[in-house]
C-alpha atoms as a PDB file:
ATOM      1  CA  MET A   1       0.000   0.000   0.000  1.00  0.00           C
ATOM      2  CA  LEU A   2       2.895   2.281   0.713  1.00  0.00           C
ATOM      3  CA  ARG A   3       4.247   1.625  -2.757  1.00  0.00           C
ATOM      4  CA  THR A   4       0.914   2.447  -4.368  1.00  0.00           C
ATOM      5  CA  GLY A   5       0.787   5.774  -2.476  1.00  0.00           C
ATOM      6  CA  ARG A   6       4.299   6.721  -3.624  1.00  0.00           C
ATOM      7  CA  ALA A   7       3.515   5.767  -7.232  1.00  0.00           C
ATOM      8  CA  THR A   8       0.337   7.833  -7.153  1.00  0.00           C
ATOM      9  CA  ALA A   9       2.189  10.791  -5.632  1.00  0.00           C
ATOM     10  CA  LYS A  10       4.822  10.568  -8.397  1.00  0.00           C
ATOM     11  CA  ARG A  11       2.127  10.484 -11.077  1.00  0.00           C
ATOM     12  CA  VAL A  12       0.381  13.507  -9.566  1.00  0.00           C
ATOM     13  CA  ALA A  13       3.703  15.389  -9.345  1.00  0.00           C
ATOM     14  CA  VAL A  14       4.531  14.536 -12.987  1.00  0.00           C
ATOM     15  CA  LEU A  15       1.037  15.512 -14.173  1.00  0.00           C
ATOM     16  CA  LEU A  16       1.138  18.712 -12.122  1.00  0.00           C
ATOM     17  CA  GLY A  17       4.572  19.537 -13.555  1.00  0.00           C
ATOM     18  CA  CYS A  18       3.293  18.981 -17.108  1.00  0.00           C
ATOM     19  CA  THR A  19       0.246  21.127 -16.452  1.00  0.00           C
ATOM     20  CA  ILE A  20       2.355  23.985 -15.059  1.00  0.00           C
ATOM     21  CA  TRP A  21       4.755  23.754 -18.031  1.00  0.00           C
ATOM     22  CA  THR A  22       1.827  23.781 -20.491  1.00  0.00           C
ATOM     23  CA  VAL A  23       0.256  26.873 -18.884  1.00  0.00           C
ATOM     24  CA  THR A  24       3.615  28.681 -18.756  1.00  0.00           C
ATOM     25  CA  ALA A  25       4.443  27.845 -22.389  1.00  0.00           C
ATOM     26  CA  ALA A  26       1.066  29.163 -23.601  1.00  0.00           C
ATOM     27  CA  THR A  27       1.573  32.597 -21.996  1.00  0.00           C
ATOM     28  CA  PRO A  28       3.093  35.073 -24.502  1.00  0.00           C
ATOM     29  CA  ALA A  29       6.449  36.554 -23.566  1.00  0.00           C
ATOM     30  CA  SER A  30       6.343  40.206 -22.544  1.00  0.00           C
ATOM     31  CA  ALA A  31       9.149  42.647 -23.208  1.00  0.00           C
ATOM     32  CA  SER A  32       8.259  44.675 -20.133  1.00  0.00           C
ATOM     33  CA  THR A  33       9.825  43.970 -16.760  1.00  0.00           C
ATOM     34  CA  GLN A  34       8.117  44.685 -13.471  1.00  0.00           C
ATOM     35  CA  GLY A  35       9.739  46.293 -10.474  1.00  0.00           C
ATOM     36  CA  THR A  36      10.104  44.570  -7.134  1.00  0.00           C
ATOM     37  CA  LEU A  37       9.076  45.897  -3.731  1.00  0.00           C
ATOM     38  CA  GLY A  38      11.922  47.807  -2.093  1.00  0.00           C
ATOM     39  CA  ALA A  39      13.349  51.231  -1.249  1.00  0.00           C
ATOM     40  CA  THR A  40      13.360  51.839  -5.007  1.00  0.00           C
ATOM     41  CA  SER A  41      11.776  49.832  -7.785  1.00  0.00           C
ATOM     42  CA  THR A  42      12.717  49.748 -11.441  1.00  0.00           C
ATOM     43  CA  GLY A  43      10.655  48.459 -14.352  1.00  0.00           C
ATOM     44  CA  SER A  44      11.053  48.818 -18.094  1.00  0.00           C
ATOM     45  CA  ILE A  45       8.861  48.714 -21.194  1.00  0.00           C
ATOM     46  CA  SER A  46       9.454  48.300 -24.895  1.00  0.00           C
ATOM     47  CA  ILE A  47       8.185  51.063 -27.205  1.00  0.00           C
ATOM     48  CA  SER A  48       7.501  50.650 -30.940  1.00  0.00           C
ATOM     49  CA  VAL A  49       5.893  52.950 -33.467  1.00  0.00           C
ATOM     50  CA  SER A  50       5.018  52.956 -37.154  1.00  0.00           C
ATOM     51  CA  VAL A  51       3.531  55.686 -39.341  1.00  0.00           C
ATOM     52  CA  ALA A  52       1.184  55.569 -42.310  1.00  0.00           C
ATOM     53  CA  ASN A  53       2.256  56.543 -45.850  1.00  0.00           C
ATOM     54  CA  ARG A  54       1.837  60.281 -46.294  1.00  0.00           C
ATOM     55  CA  ALA A  55       2.625  62.947 -48.919  1.00  0.00           C
ATOM     56  CA  GLN A  56       2.296  66.716 -49.143  1.00  0.00           C
ATOM     57  CA  ILE A  57       2.563  69.334 -51.879  1.00  0.00           C
ATOM     58  CA  THR A  58       3.298  72.971 -50.981  1.00  0.00           C
ATOM     59  CA  GLY A  59       4.670  76.097 -52.630  1.00  0.00           C
ATOM     60  CA  LEU A  60       2.020  76.329 -55.369  1.00  0.00           C
ATOM     61  CA  SER A  61       1.178  79.735 -56.856  1.00  0.00           C
ATOM     62  CA  ASP A  62      -1.692  80.926 -59.037  1.00  0.00           C
ATOM     63  CA  VAL A  63      -0.813  81.488 -62.702  1.00  0.00           C
ATOM     64  CA  THR A  64      -1.869  84.729 -64.387  1.00  0.00           C
ATOM     65  CA  PHE A  65      -1.163  85.624 -68.019  1.00  0.00           C
ATOM     66  CA  THR A  66      -1.989  89.272 -68.781  1.00  0.00           C
ATOM     67  CA  ASN A  67      -2.033  90.919 -72.224  1.00  0.00           C
ATOM     68  CA  ILE A  68      -0.145  88.021 -73.807  1.00  0.00           C
ATOM     69  CA  ASP A  69       0.903  88.315 -77.445  1.00  0.00           C
ATOM     70  CA  PRO A  70      -1.105  85.577 -79.184  1.00  0.00           C
ATOM     71  CA  ALA A  71       1.638  85.116 -81.802  1.00  0.00           C
ATOM     72  CA  THR A  72       3.674  82.945 -79.397  1.00  0.00           C
ATOM     73  CA  ALA A  73       2.802  80.361 -76.777  1.00  0.00           C
ATOM     74  CA  ALA A  74       2.486  81.513 -73.179  1.00  0.00           C
ATOM     75  CA  SER A  75       4.262  79.389 -70.580  1.00  0.00           C
ATOM     76  CA  ALA A  76       4.685  79.700 -66.817  1.00  0.00           C
ATOM     77  CA  ALA A  77       6.941  77.455 -64.754  1.00  0.00           C
ATOM     78  CA  GLN A  78       6.974  77.373 -60.978  1.00  0.00           C
ATOM     79  CA  ASN A  79       8.978  75.484 -58.397  1.00  0.00           C
ATOM     80  CA  ASN A  80       7.229  73.726 -55.544  1.00  0.00           C
ATOM     81  CA  CYS A  81       7.792  71.184 -52.794  1.00  0.00           C
ATOM     82  CA  VAL A  82       6.621  67.571 -52.808  1.00  0.00           C
ATOM     83  CA  TRP A  83       7.337  65.394 -49.775  1.00  0.00           C
ATOM     84  CA  SER A  84       6.742  61.676 -49.281  1.00  0.00           C
ATOM     85  CA  ASN A  85       7.612  59.570 -46.239  1.00  0.00           C
ATOM     86  CA  THR A  86       7.920  56.203 -47.987  1.00  0.00           C
ATOM     87  CA  ALA A  87      11.244  54.335 -47.909  1.00  0.00           C
ATOM     88  CA  THR A  88      11.966  55.388 -51.508  1.00  0.00           C
ATOM     89  CA  ARG A  89      10.471  58.898 -51.081  1.00  0.00           C
ATOM     90  CA  GLY A  90       8.335  57.903 -54.075  1.00  0.00           C
ATOM     91  CA  TYR A  91       5.124  59.533 -55.222  1.00  0.00           C
ATOM     92  CA  SER A  92       2.736  59.884 -58.145  1.00  0.00           C
ATOM     93  CA  ILE A  93       0.977  63.025 -59.319  1.00  0.00           C
ATOM     94  CA  THR A  94      -2.433  63.323 -60.944  1.00  0.00           C
ATOM     95  CA  ALA A  95      -3.637  66.593 -62.463  1.00  0.00           C
ATOM     96  CA  THR A  96      -7.294  67.419 -63.024  1.00  0.00           C
ATOM     97  CA  GLY A  97      -8.574  70.557 -64.719  1.00  0.00           C
ATOM     98  CA  SER A  98     -11.880  72.329 -64.205  1.00  0.00           C
ATOM     99  CA  GLY A  99     -13.079  71.540 -67.731  1.00  0.00           C
ATOM    100  CA  THR A 100     -15.507  68.839 -68.761  1.00  0.00           C
ATOM    101  CA  SER A 101     -14.365  65.427 -67.436  1.00  0.00           C
ATOM    102  CA  GLY A 102     -11.367  67.116 -65.807  1.00  0.00           C
ATOM    103  CA  ALA A 103     -10.021  68.624 -69.041  1.00  0.00           C
ATOM    104  CA  PHE A 104      -7.284  71.253 -68.927  1.00  0.00           C
ATOM    105  CA  THR A 105      -9.394  74.153 -70.214  1.00  0.00           C
ATOM    106  CA  LEU A 106      -9.991  77.785 -69.360  1.00  0.00           C
ATOM    107  CA  ALA A 107     -13.460  79.233 -69.874  1.00  0.00           C
ATOM    108  CA  ASN A 108     -15.238  82.510 -70.460  1.00  0.00           C
ATOM    109  CA  GLY A 109     -18.918  81.629 -70.538  1.00  0.00           C
ATOM    110  CA  ALA A 110     -19.383  79.011 -73.256  1.00  0.00           C
ATOM    111  CA  SER A 111     -15.993  79.816 -74.806  1.00  0.00           C
ATOM    112  CA  THR A 112     -13.120  77.542 -73.781  1.00  0.00           C
ATOM    113  CA  VAL A 113      -9.427  77.241 -74.602  1.00  0.00           C
ATOM    114  CA  PRO A 114      -7.174  74.307 -73.791  1.00  0.00           C
ATOM    115  CA  TYR A 115      -3.866  74.462 -71.970  1.00  0.00           C
ATOM    116  CA  SER A 116      -1.219  71.853 -71.272  1.00  0.00           C
ATOM    117  CA  VAL A 117       0.434  70.796 -68.027  1.00  0.00           C
ATOM    118  CA  GLN A 118       3.905  69.352 -67.544  1.00  0.00           C
ATOM    119  CA  TRP A 119       5.609  68.066 -64.396  1.00  0.00           C
ATOM    120  CA  SER A 120       9.259  67.581 -63.514  1.00  0.00           C
ATOM    121  CA  GLN A 121      10.477  65.887 -60.336  1.00  0.00           C
ATOM    122  CA  THR A 122      13.411  68.350 -60.443  1.00  0.00           C
ATOM    123  CA  SER A 123      13.195  72.000 -59.417  1.00  0.00           C
ATOM    124  CA  GLY A 124      14.069  74.822 -61.826  1.00  0.00           C
ATOM    125  CA  GLN A 125      12.779  73.206 -65.024  1.00  0.00           C
ATOM    126  CA  SER A 126      10.911  74.897 -67.892  1.00  0.00           C
ATOM    127  CA  THR A 127       9.831  71.600 -69.477  1.00  0.00           C
ATOM    128  CA  GLY A 128       8.782  68.268 -68.077  1.00  0.00           C
ATOM    129  CA  THR A 129       6.611  65.223 -68.683  1.00  0.00           C
ATOM    130  CA  ALA A 130       3.210  66.044 -70.189  1.00  0.00           C
ATOM    131  CA  LEU A 131       0.332  65.190 -67.857  1.00  0.00           C
ATOM    132  CA  THR A 132      -2.972  63.742 -69.030  1.00  0.00           C
ATOM    133  CA  PRO A 133      -6.087  64.830 -67.109  1.00  0.00           C
ATOM    134  CA  GLY A 134      -6.979  62.338 -64.387  1.00  0.00           C
ATOM    135  CA  THR A 135      -4.055  59.997 -65.145  1.00  0.00           C
ATOM    136  CA  ALA A 136      -1.325  59.463 -62.555  1.00  0.00           C
ATOM    137  CA  LEU A 137       2.303  60.044 -63.501  1.00  0.00           C
ATOM    138  CA  THR A 138       4.077  57.399 -61.421  1.00  0.00           C
ATOM    139  CA  GLY A 139       7.639  56.489 -60.524  1.00  0.00           C
ATOM    140  CA  LEU A 140       8.593  59.926 -59.189  1.00  0.00           C
ATOM    141  CA  ALA A 141      10.833  60.564 -56.185  1.00  0.00           C
ATOM    142  CA  THR A 142      11.449  63.586 -53.997  1.00  0.00           C
ATOM    143  CA  THR A 143      14.497  64.944 -52.233  1.00  0.00           C
ATOM    144  CA  ALA A 144      12.471  66.877 -49.620  1.00  0.00           C
ATOM    145  CA  ALA A 145      13.820  66.548 -46.086  1.00  0.00           C
ATOM    146  CA  ASN A 146      10.497  67.552 -44.489  1.00  0.00           C
ATOM    147  CA  SER A 147       6.874  68.100 -45.476  1.00  0.00           C
ATOM    148  CA  THR A 148       7.130  71.817 -46.321  1.00  0.00           C
ATOM    149  CA  CYS A 149      10.744  72.044 -47.529  1.00  0.00           C
ATOM    150  CA  SER A 150      11.529  74.406 -44.656  1.00  0.00           C
ATOM    151  CA  THR A 151      15.106  73.105 -44.789  1.00  0.00           C
ATOM    152  CA  SER A 152      17.260  72.475 -47.839  1.00  0.00           C
ATOM    153  CA  PRO A 153      16.153  71.784 -50.485  1.00  0.00           C
ATOM    154  CA  SER A 154      13.523  74.523 -50.441  1.00  0.00           C
ATOM    155  CA  THR A 155      11.910  73.241 -53.675  1.00  0.00           C
ATOM    156  CA  THR A 156      11.924  69.788 -55.241  1.00  0.00           C
ATOM    157  CA  SER A 157       9.843  69.866 -58.415  1.00  0.00           C
ATOM    158  CA  SER A 158       8.498  72.004 -61.266  1.00  0.00           C
ATOM    159  CA  LEU A 159       4.997  72.596 -62.605  1.00  0.00           C
ATOM    160  CA  ILE A 160       4.740  74.045 -66.122  1.00  0.00           C
ATOM    161  CA  VAL A 161       1.491  75.448 -67.582  1.00  0.00           C
ATOM    162  CA  THR A 162       1.426  76.343 -71.299  1.00  0.00           C
ATOM    163  CA  ILE A 163      -1.177  77.818 -73.636  1.00  0.00           C
ATOM    164  CA  SER A 164      -0.359  77.316 -77.314  1.00  0.00           C
ATOM    165  CA  ALA A 165      -0.335  80.186 -79.828  1.00  0.00           C
ATOM    166  CA  PRO A 166      -3.357  78.753 -81.735  1.00  0.00           C
ATOM    167  CA  SER A 167      -5.319  78.587 -78.450  1.00  0.00           C
ATOM    168  CA  LEU A 168      -4.355  82.178 -77.605  1.00  0.00           C
ATOM    169  CA  GLN A 169      -5.406  83.300 -81.101  1.00  0.00           C
ATOM    170  CA  SER A 170      -8.863  81.750 -80.601  1.00  0.00           C
ATOM    171  CA  MET A 171      -9.473  83.938 -77.535  1.00  0.00           C
ATOM    172  CA  VAL A 172     -11.406  87.222 -77.599  1.00  0.00           C
ATOM    173  CA  SER A 173      -9.141  90.160 -76.650  1.00  0.00           C
ATOM    174  CA  ALA A 174      -9.561  91.998 -73.325  1.00  0.00           C
ATOM    175  CA  THR A 175     -11.580  89.054 -71.986  1.00  0.00           C
ATOM    176  CA  THR A 176     -10.457  86.916 -69.064  1.00  0.00           C
ATOM    177  CA  TYR A 177     -10.600  83.140 -69.288  1.00  0.00           C
ATOM    178  CA  THR A 178     -10.366  81.251 -66.002  1.00  0.00           C
ATOM    179  CA  GLY A 179     -10.104  77.742 -64.680  1.00  0.00           C
ATOM    180  CA  SER A 180      -8.499  75.710 -61.944  1.00  0.00           C
ATOM    181  CA  LEU A 181      -5.991  72.893 -61.781  1.00  0.00           C
ATOM    182  CA  THR A 182      -5.987  70.315 -58.988  1.00  0.00           C
ATOM    183  CA  LEU A 183      -2.818  68.334 -58.256  1.00  0.00           C
ATOM    184  CA  LEU A 184      -3.141  65.084 -56.321  1.00  0.00           C
ATOM    185  CA  VAL A 185       0.091  63.679 -54.848  1.00  0.00           C
ATOM    186  CA  THR A 186       0.010  60.069 -53.648  1.00  0.00           C
ATOM    187  CA  PRO A 187       2.904  58.408 -51.767  1.00  0.00           C
ATOM    188  CA  GLN A 188       4.331  55.287 -53.407  1.00  0.00           C
END
């Protein structure tokens, strides 16, 4: 009978040990450490953070052509800042005009004239890649150090708006044609 009691006690101890090990193994490991009771107590935690993809365009200016000679095309280039926080600093840009279906047109009542838009991922350019209304130009990258280019470089890209001589010649003199251009920057 004594043997049976010892054998049962061993089985209970083995089963209890297995149960404790199983419960301990199922508990996820924590990076934090807890302090102990004493004159001082020290604990530590692990901190991690991630951010979402973001982009920003700044430095845009309105374009005004006044008393342009219709014999030659009118063109205005401006430098701006595009920032992206992706690992490659990549972005795409999509331009949409205020014309029908997003067309690049200027209007005076029912009268409209087309214009063209170009984009360069380099500052200081007077030509670039022609944009198509509503279609993203992809594969671009920025050199901006922060979202508003408040540190060097102060500009990263160029926007070029052009009205051809034939379009200018179709306009009525001393009449203002207006429109808007929306630029959508998407991080890639």
